[in-house]
Each structure stands twice: as structure tokens, then as C-alpha cells.
């Protein structure tokens, strides 16, 4: 038999006695508290997580757009001075290094056989880099990617021929990596 008892303190406390008298009485306050958690707090946390994810995605997209714009400016400079064939332009080398430092990242300029012409880290110059993003850019396509595990944005942009009659020929690839 269930029994409902009111406590004399005047508070709205109801004690529900279960059928077997060995169990402790349960308070309605506990049920109200659990209901408030289930109805208010949990959906609020889910909304907050969704908003945070949306902010991260928009921030990432903004950074990606910024890196891509900078990459296109650098590619125009590389094309205009013929840096692929003669990487001795000190002004452009300094510009590549300063952009790499500003992004806390790395910039590599590759020629058409994917040999590293310039590496702002100075580690891979003269080596051949076989990487799917670089190969894709060598076919004339710009590639953007984000590595969530390492928190790195990678942008690869094709460098076209400096000669006007061969404008569709790709002479190399510019790779920019930026830490986020």
C-alpha cells in the first residue's frame, strides 16, 4: 500500500513510501530536480556545443579564405619574376619567409617535377615531394584542406607559366601550411 504523508514544517514535501517498507522514502524534490536537468540543462548544453562547432567552422573558413588570398598574391609574384626558374630574387624570398612566419607555418615552392625550389624551413630544398595535394595542383587545381588531428590548414595553388602564350601550363606548385 502506498502512503502519502505531509511534513508539518509547512514545506511542500511529499514522501512517497514504496510497497516494501525496507526501502527509504523518496522525495518529489529529487524527481523535480532530475526533470529540470533533463528538460533545461541537457538541451542547453547541446545547443552550446552546436554553437561552438558552428563558430569553429566559420573561423576555420575565414582563416582558409585568408590563407588562400595570400597564396594567390604570392603566386602572382612568383609568376611575374619567374621564381621557379631562378629562385634568387631576395625580395620575394624575404616575402615568402615573412608570410610563413606570420602564419606560424611553412611555405614551399615546387617546380613541375615536384622538386622543392624554396622551403621556408630550409629542410627539404632540392628534394622531391610526392604528395596528392601537390600532384592535384600540378594539374591546375587549387586544393584546400584542414587536418583536425594536427590543427593545420594546407593550401596548394598551381603556379602557371610566366609566358603569355603558354598561360595554361603549370610550372609548379605553392604549398602553404598554417597552424591554427
C-alpha atoms as a PDB file:
ATOM      1  CA  UNK A   1       0.000   0.000   0.000  1.00  0.00           C
ATOM      2  CA  UNK A   2       1.305   3.457  -0.891  1.00  0.00           C
ATOM      3  CA  UNK A   3       1.053   6.134   1.718  1.00  0.00           C
ATOM      4  CA  UNK A   4       1.386   9.888   1.195  1.00  0.00           C
ATOM      5  CA  UNK A   5       2.452  11.933   4.188  1.00  0.00           C
ATOM      6  CA  UNK A   6       2.815  15.683   4.559  1.00  0.00           C
ATOM      7  CA  UNK A   7       5.520  17.029   6.839  1.00  0.00           C
ATOM      8  CA  UNK A   8       4.404  19.572   9.423  1.00  0.00           C
ATOM      9  CA  UNK A   9       7.085  22.157   8.563  1.00  0.00           C
ATOM     10  CA  UNK A  10       4.801  23.770   6.016  1.00  0.00           C
ATOM     11  CA  UNK A  11       7.101  22.987   3.100  1.00  0.00           C
ATOM     12  CA  UNK A  12       5.735  21.224   0.112  1.00  0.00           C
ATOM     13  CA  UNK A  13       7.432  17.957   0.857  1.00  0.00           C
ATOM     14  CA  UNK A  14       5.749  14.772  -0.031  1.00  0.00           C
ATOM     15  CA  UNK A  15       7.207  11.457   0.856  1.00  0.00           C
ATOM     16  CA  UNK A  16       6.227   8.508  -1.213  1.00  0.00           C
ATOM     17  CA  UNK A  17       6.533   5.220   0.536  1.00  0.00           C
ATOM     18  CA  UNK A  18       7.157   2.249  -1.644  1.00  0.00           C
ATOM     19  CA  UNK A  19       5.350  -1.045  -1.226  1.00  0.00           C
ATOM     20  CA  UNK A  20       8.146  -2.744   0.621  1.00  0.00           C
ATOM     21  CA  UNK A  21       8.863  -0.845   3.813  1.00  0.00           C
ATOM     22  CA  UNK A  22      12.573  -1.637   3.859  1.00  0.00           C
ATOM     23  CA  UNK A  23      13.384   0.964   1.190  1.00  0.00           C
ATOM     24  CA  UNK A  24      13.988   4.588   2.040  1.00  0.00           C
ATOM     25  CA  UNK A  25      11.266   7.069   1.242  1.00  0.00           C
ATOM     26  CA  UNK A  26      11.755   9.068  -1.998  1.00  0.00           C
ATOM     27  CA  UNK A  27      11.204  12.785  -2.189  1.00  0.00           C
ATOM     28  CA  UNK A  28       9.426  14.571  -5.022  1.00  0.00           C
ATOM     29  CA  UNK A  29      12.213  17.182  -4.899  1.00  0.00           C
ATOM     30  CA  UNK A  30      14.537  14.593  -6.416  1.00  0.00           C
ATOM     31  CA  UNK A  31      12.095  13.950  -9.261  1.00  0.00           C
ATOM     32  CA  UNK A  32      11.669  17.685  -9.865  1.00  0.00           C
ATOM     33  CA  UNK A  33      15.436  18.193  -9.862  1.00  0.00           C
ATOM     34  CA  UNK A  34      16.008  15.379 -12.362  1.00  0.00           C
ATOM     35  CA  UNK A  35      13.202  16.721 -14.550  1.00  0.00           C
ATOM     36  CA  UNK A  36      14.734  20.213 -14.589  1.00  0.00           C
ATOM     37  CA  UNK A  37      18.102  18.732 -15.553  1.00  0.00           C
ATOM     38  CA  UNK A  38      16.546  16.672 -18.328  1.00  0.00           C
ATOM     39  CA  UNK A  39      14.398  19.489 -19.704  1.00  0.00           C
ATOM     40  CA  UNK A  40      16.682  22.515 -19.338  1.00  0.00           C
ATOM     41  CA  UNK A  41      20.327  21.767 -18.782  1.00  0.00           C
ATOM     42  CA  UNK A  42      20.928  18.939 -21.251  1.00  0.00           C
ATOM     43  CA  UNK A  43      19.336  20.709 -24.269  1.00  0.00           C
ATOM     44  CA  UNK A  44      21.149  23.898 -23.251  1.00  0.00           C
ATOM     45  CA  UNK A  45      24.474  22.087 -23.321  1.00  0.00           C
ATOM     46  CA  UNK A  46      23.658  20.558 -26.704  1.00  0.00           C
ATOM     47  CA  UNK A  47      22.801  23.998 -28.113  1.00  0.00           C
ATOM     48  CA  UNK A  48      26.030  25.409 -26.678  1.00  0.00           C
ATOM     49  CA  UNK A  49      28.093  22.609 -28.270  1.00  0.00           C
ATOM     50  CA  UNK A  50      26.357  23.168 -31.607  1.00  0.00           C
ATOM     51  CA  UNK A  51      27.033  26.905 -31.464  1.00  0.00           C
ATOM     52  CA  UNK A  52      30.672  26.279 -30.587  1.00  0.00           C
ATOM     53  CA  UNK A  53      31.048  23.888 -33.522  1.00  0.00           C
ATOM     54  CA  UNK A  54      29.450  26.448 -35.858  1.00  0.00           C
ATOM     55  CA  UNK A  55      31.835  29.151 -34.599  1.00  0.00           C
ATOM     56  CA  UNK A  56      34.843  26.866 -35.148  1.00  0.00           C
ATOM     57  CA  UNK A  57      33.709  26.065 -38.685  1.00  0.00           C
ATOM     58  CA  UNK A  58      33.181  29.724 -39.561  1.00  0.00           C
ATOM     59  CA  UNK A  59      36.505  30.713 -38.019  1.00  0.00           C
ATOM     60  CA  UNK A  60      38.253  27.956 -39.951  1.00  0.00           C
ATOM     61  CA  UNK A  61      36.579  29.051 -43.186  1.00  0.00           C
ATOM     62  CA  UNK A  62      37.682  32.644 -42.557  1.00  0.00           C
ATOM     63  CA  UNK A  63      41.293  31.558 -41.948  1.00  0.00           C
ATOM     64  CA  UNK A  64      41.208  29.357 -45.038  1.00  0.00           C
ATOM     65  CA  UNK A  65      39.996  32.277 -47.157  1.00  0.00           C
ATOM     66  CA  UNK A  66      42.746  34.490 -45.767  1.00  0.00           C
ATOM     67  CA  UNK A  67      45.478  31.930 -46.482  1.00  0.00           C
ATOM     68  CA  UNK A  68      44.120  31.321 -49.975  1.00  0.00           C
ATOM     69  CA  UNK A  69      44.126  35.067 -50.766  1.00  0.00           C
ATOM     70  CA  UNK A  70      47.716  35.380 -49.533  1.00  0.00           C
ATOM     71  CA  UNK A  71      48.714  32.320 -51.568  1.00  0.00           C
ATOM     72  CA  UNK A  72      47.268  33.815 -54.736  1.00  0.00           C
ATOM     73  CA  UNK A  73      49.195  37.050 -54.136  1.00  0.00           C
ATOM     74  CA  UNK A  74      52.409  35.089 -53.662  1.00  0.00           C
ATOM     75  CA  UNK A  75      51.728  33.033 -56.793  1.00  0.00           C
ATOM     76  CA  UNK A  76      51.282  36.235 -58.816  1.00  0.00           C
ATOM     77  CA  UNK A  77      54.649  37.497 -57.538  1.00  0.00           C
ATOM     78  CA  UNK A  78      56.320  34.135 -58.241  1.00  0.00           C
ATOM     79  CA  UNK A  79      54.893  34.092 -61.773  1.00  0.00           C
ATOM     80  CA  UNK A  80      55.900  37.673 -62.532  1.00  0.00           C
ATOM     81  CA  UNK A  81      59.582  37.259 -61.568  1.00  0.00           C
ATOM     82  CA  UNK A  82      59.963  33.683 -62.858  1.00  0.00           C
ATOM     83  CA  UNK A  83      60.983  32.451 -59.399  1.00  0.00           C
ATOM     84  CA  UNK A  84      60.608  28.772 -60.364  1.00  0.00           C
ATOM     85  CA  UNK A  85      63.434  29.021 -62.897  1.00  0.00           C
ATOM     86  CA  UNK A  86      65.583  31.482 -60.951  1.00  0.00           C
ATOM     87  CA  UNK A  87      64.941  31.490 -57.170  1.00  0.00           C
ATOM     88  CA  UNK A  88      67.500  34.201 -56.444  1.00  0.00           C
ATOM     89  CA  UNK A  89      65.079  37.125 -56.035  1.00  0.00           C
ATOM     90  CA  UNK A  90      65.903  38.280 -52.491  1.00  0.00           C
ATOM     91  CA  UNK A  91      62.779  40.428 -52.128  1.00  0.00           C
ATOM     92  CA  UNK A  92      60.479  37.520 -52.930  1.00  0.00           C
ATOM     93  CA  UNK A  93      62.477  35.126 -50.743  1.00  0.00           C
ATOM     94  CA  UNK A  94      62.131  37.580 -47.848  1.00  0.00           C
ATOM     95  CA  UNK A  95      58.419  37.962 -48.556  1.00  0.00           C
ATOM     96  CA  UNK A  96      57.918  34.176 -48.541  1.00  0.00           C
ATOM     97  CA  UNK A  97      59.755  33.894 -45.218  1.00  0.00           C
ATOM     98  CA  UNK A  98      57.824  36.751 -43.609  1.00  0.00           C
ATOM     99  CA  UNK A  99      54.443  35.326 -44.693  1.00  0.00           C
ATOM    100  CA  UNK A 100      55.473  31.902 -43.397  1.00  0.00           C
ATOM    101  CA  UNK A 101      56.483  33.429 -40.056  1.00  0.00           C
ATOM    102  CA  UNK A 102      53.270  35.444 -39.836  1.00  0.00           C
ATOM    103  CA  UNK A 103      51.210  32.284 -40.287  1.00  0.00           C
ATOM    104  CA  UNK A 104      53.404  30.242 -37.929  1.00  0.00           C
ATOM    105  CA  UNK A 105      53.644  27.897 -40.851  1.00  0.00           C
ATOM    106  CA  UNK A 106      55.687  26.749 -43.785  1.00  0.00           C
ATOM    107  CA  UNK A 107      55.794  27.767 -47.414  1.00  0.00           C
ATOM    108  CA  UNK A 108      57.245  25.560 -50.134  1.00  0.00           C
ATOM    109  CA  UNK A 109      57.630  26.344 -53.816  1.00  0.00           C
ATOM    110  CA  UNK A 110      57.793  23.258 -56.050  1.00  0.00           C
ATOM    111  CA  UNK A 111      58.642  23.073 -59.737  1.00  0.00           C
ATOM    112  CA  UNK A 112      56.828  20.834 -62.240  1.00  0.00           C
ATOM    113  CA  UNK A 113      58.696  17.601 -61.365  1.00  0.00           C
ATOM    114  CA  UNK A 114      57.731  18.381 -57.723  1.00  0.00           C
ATOM    115  CA  UNK A 115      61.280  19.281 -56.704  1.00  0.00           C
ATOM    116  CA  UNK A 116      61.384  21.790 -53.828  1.00  0.00           C
ATOM    117  CA  UNK A 117      62.774  25.088 -55.122  1.00  0.00           C
ATOM    118  CA  UNK A 118      62.225  27.038 -51.886  1.00  0.00           C
ATOM    119  CA  UNK A 119      61.335  25.872 -48.376  1.00  0.00           C
ATOM    120  CA  UNK A 120      60.968  28.496 -45.665  1.00  0.00           C
ATOM    121  CA  UNK A 121      62.146  25.894 -43.148  1.00  0.00           C
ATOM    122  CA  UNK A 122      65.163  25.156 -45.357  1.00  0.00           C
ATOM    123  CA  UNK A 123      64.795  21.431 -44.716  1.00  0.00           C
ATOM    124  CA  UNK A 124      63.510  19.969 -47.975  1.00  0.00           C
ATOM    125  CA  UNK A 125      65.132  22.194 -50.627  1.00  0.00           C
ATOM    126  CA  UNK A 126      66.276  20.097 -53.563  1.00  0.00           C
ATOM    127  CA  UNK A 127      64.174  17.101 -52.557  1.00  0.00           C
ATOM    128  CA  UNK A 128      61.220  15.732 -54.487  1.00  0.00           C
ATOM    129  CA  UNK A 129      57.855  15.863 -52.726  1.00  0.00           C
ATOM    130  CA  UNK A 130      55.217  13.383 -53.839  1.00  0.00           C
ATOM    131  CA  UNK A 131      52.004  14.436 -52.170  1.00  0.00           C
ATOM    132  CA  UNK A 132      48.468  14.031 -53.529  1.00  0.00           C
ATOM    133  CA  UNK A 133      47.556  17.710 -52.969  1.00  0.00           C
ATOM    134  CA  UNK A 134      50.677  18.847 -54.843  1.00  0.00           C
ATOM    135  CA  UNK A 135      50.004  16.441 -57.707  1.00  0.00           C
ATOM    136  CA  UNK A 136      46.415  17.662 -57.920  1.00  0.00           C
ATOM    137  CA  UNK A 137      47.592  21.278 -58.017  1.00  0.00           C
ATOM    138  CA  UNK A 138      50.105  20.387 -60.693  1.00  0.00           C
ATOM    139  CA  UNK A 139      47.113  19.514 -62.875  1.00  0.00           C
ATOM    140  CA  UNK A 140      45.868  23.102 -62.407  1.00  0.00           C
ATOM    141  CA  UNK A 141      43.541  22.796 -59.428  1.00  0.00           C
ATOM    142  CA  UNK A 142      43.702  24.727 -56.150  1.00  0.00           C
ATOM    143  CA  UNK A 143      43.346  22.452 -53.101  1.00  0.00           C
ATOM    144  CA  UNK A 144      42.384  23.461 -49.553  1.00  0.00           C
ATOM    145  CA  UNK A 145      42.383  21.066 -46.635  1.00  0.00           C
ATOM    146  CA  UNK A 146      42.316  21.059 -42.855  1.00  0.00           C
ATOM    147  CA  UNK A 147      43.992  18.401 -40.758  1.00  0.00           C
ATOM    148  CA  UNK A 148      41.998  18.347 -37.499  1.00  0.00           C
ATOM    149  CA  UNK A 149      44.419  15.945 -35.844  1.00  0.00           C
ATOM    150  CA  UNK A 150      47.372  18.313 -36.261  1.00  0.00           C
ATOM    151  CA  UNK A 151      45.312  21.554 -36.414  1.00  0.00           C
ATOM    152  CA  UNK A 152      46.922  22.613 -39.690  1.00  0.00           C
ATOM    153  CA  UNK A 153      45.444  24.350 -42.732  1.00  0.00           C
ATOM    154  CA  UNK A 154      47.083  23.331 -46.010  1.00  0.00           C
ATOM    155  CA  UNK A 155      46.607  25.290 -49.240  1.00  0.00           C
ATOM    156  CA  UNK A 156      48.187  24.262 -52.545  1.00  0.00           C
ATOM    157  CA  UNK A 157      47.966  26.614 -55.532  1.00  0.00           C
ATOM    158  CA  UNK A 158      49.276  25.982 -59.061  1.00  0.00           C
ATOM    159  CA  UNK A 159      51.962  28.320 -60.386  1.00  0.00           C
ATOM    160  CA  UNK A 160      51.316  28.953 -64.064  1.00  0.00           C
ATOM    161  CA  UNK A 161      53.785  29.762 -66.794  1.00  0.00           C
ATOM    162  CA  UNK A 162      55.080  33.321 -66.869  1.00  0.00           C
ATOM    163  CA  UNK A 163      54.883  33.333 -70.660  1.00  0.00           C
ATOM    164  CA  UNK A 164      51.657  34.742 -72.070  1.00  0.00           C
ATOM    165  CA  UNK A 165      51.323  32.228 -74.938  1.00  0.00           C
ATOM    166  CA  UNK A 166      51.622  29.277 -72.510  1.00  0.00           C
ATOM    167  CA  UNK A 167      49.375  30.631 -69.757  1.00  0.00           C
ATOM    168  CA  UNK A 168      47.618  27.286 -69.151  1.00  0.00           C
ATOM    169  CA  UNK A 169      50.848  25.399 -68.499  1.00  0.00           C
ATOM    170  CA  UNK A 170      51.558  24.765 -64.823  1.00  0.00           C
ATOM    171  CA  UNK A 171      55.216  25.303 -63.905  1.00  0.00           C
ATOM    172  CA  UNK A 172      54.962  24.472 -60.228  1.00  0.00           C
ATOM    173  CA  UNK A 173      53.003  24.480 -57.000  1.00  0.00           C
ATOM    174  CA  UNK A 174      52.934  26.751 -53.959  1.00  0.00           C
ATOM    175  CA  UNK A 175      52.190  24.972 -50.683  1.00  0.00           C
ATOM    176  CA  UNK A 176      51.290  26.939 -47.545  1.00  0.00           C
ATOM    177  CA  UNK A 177      50.746  25.240 -44.197  1.00  0.00           C
ATOM    178  CA  UNK A 178      49.355  27.290 -41.314  1.00  0.00           C
ATOM    179  CA  UNK A 179      48.947  26.228 -37.711  1.00  0.00           C
ATOM    180  CA  UNK A 180      45.599  27.009 -36.131  1.00  0.00           C
END
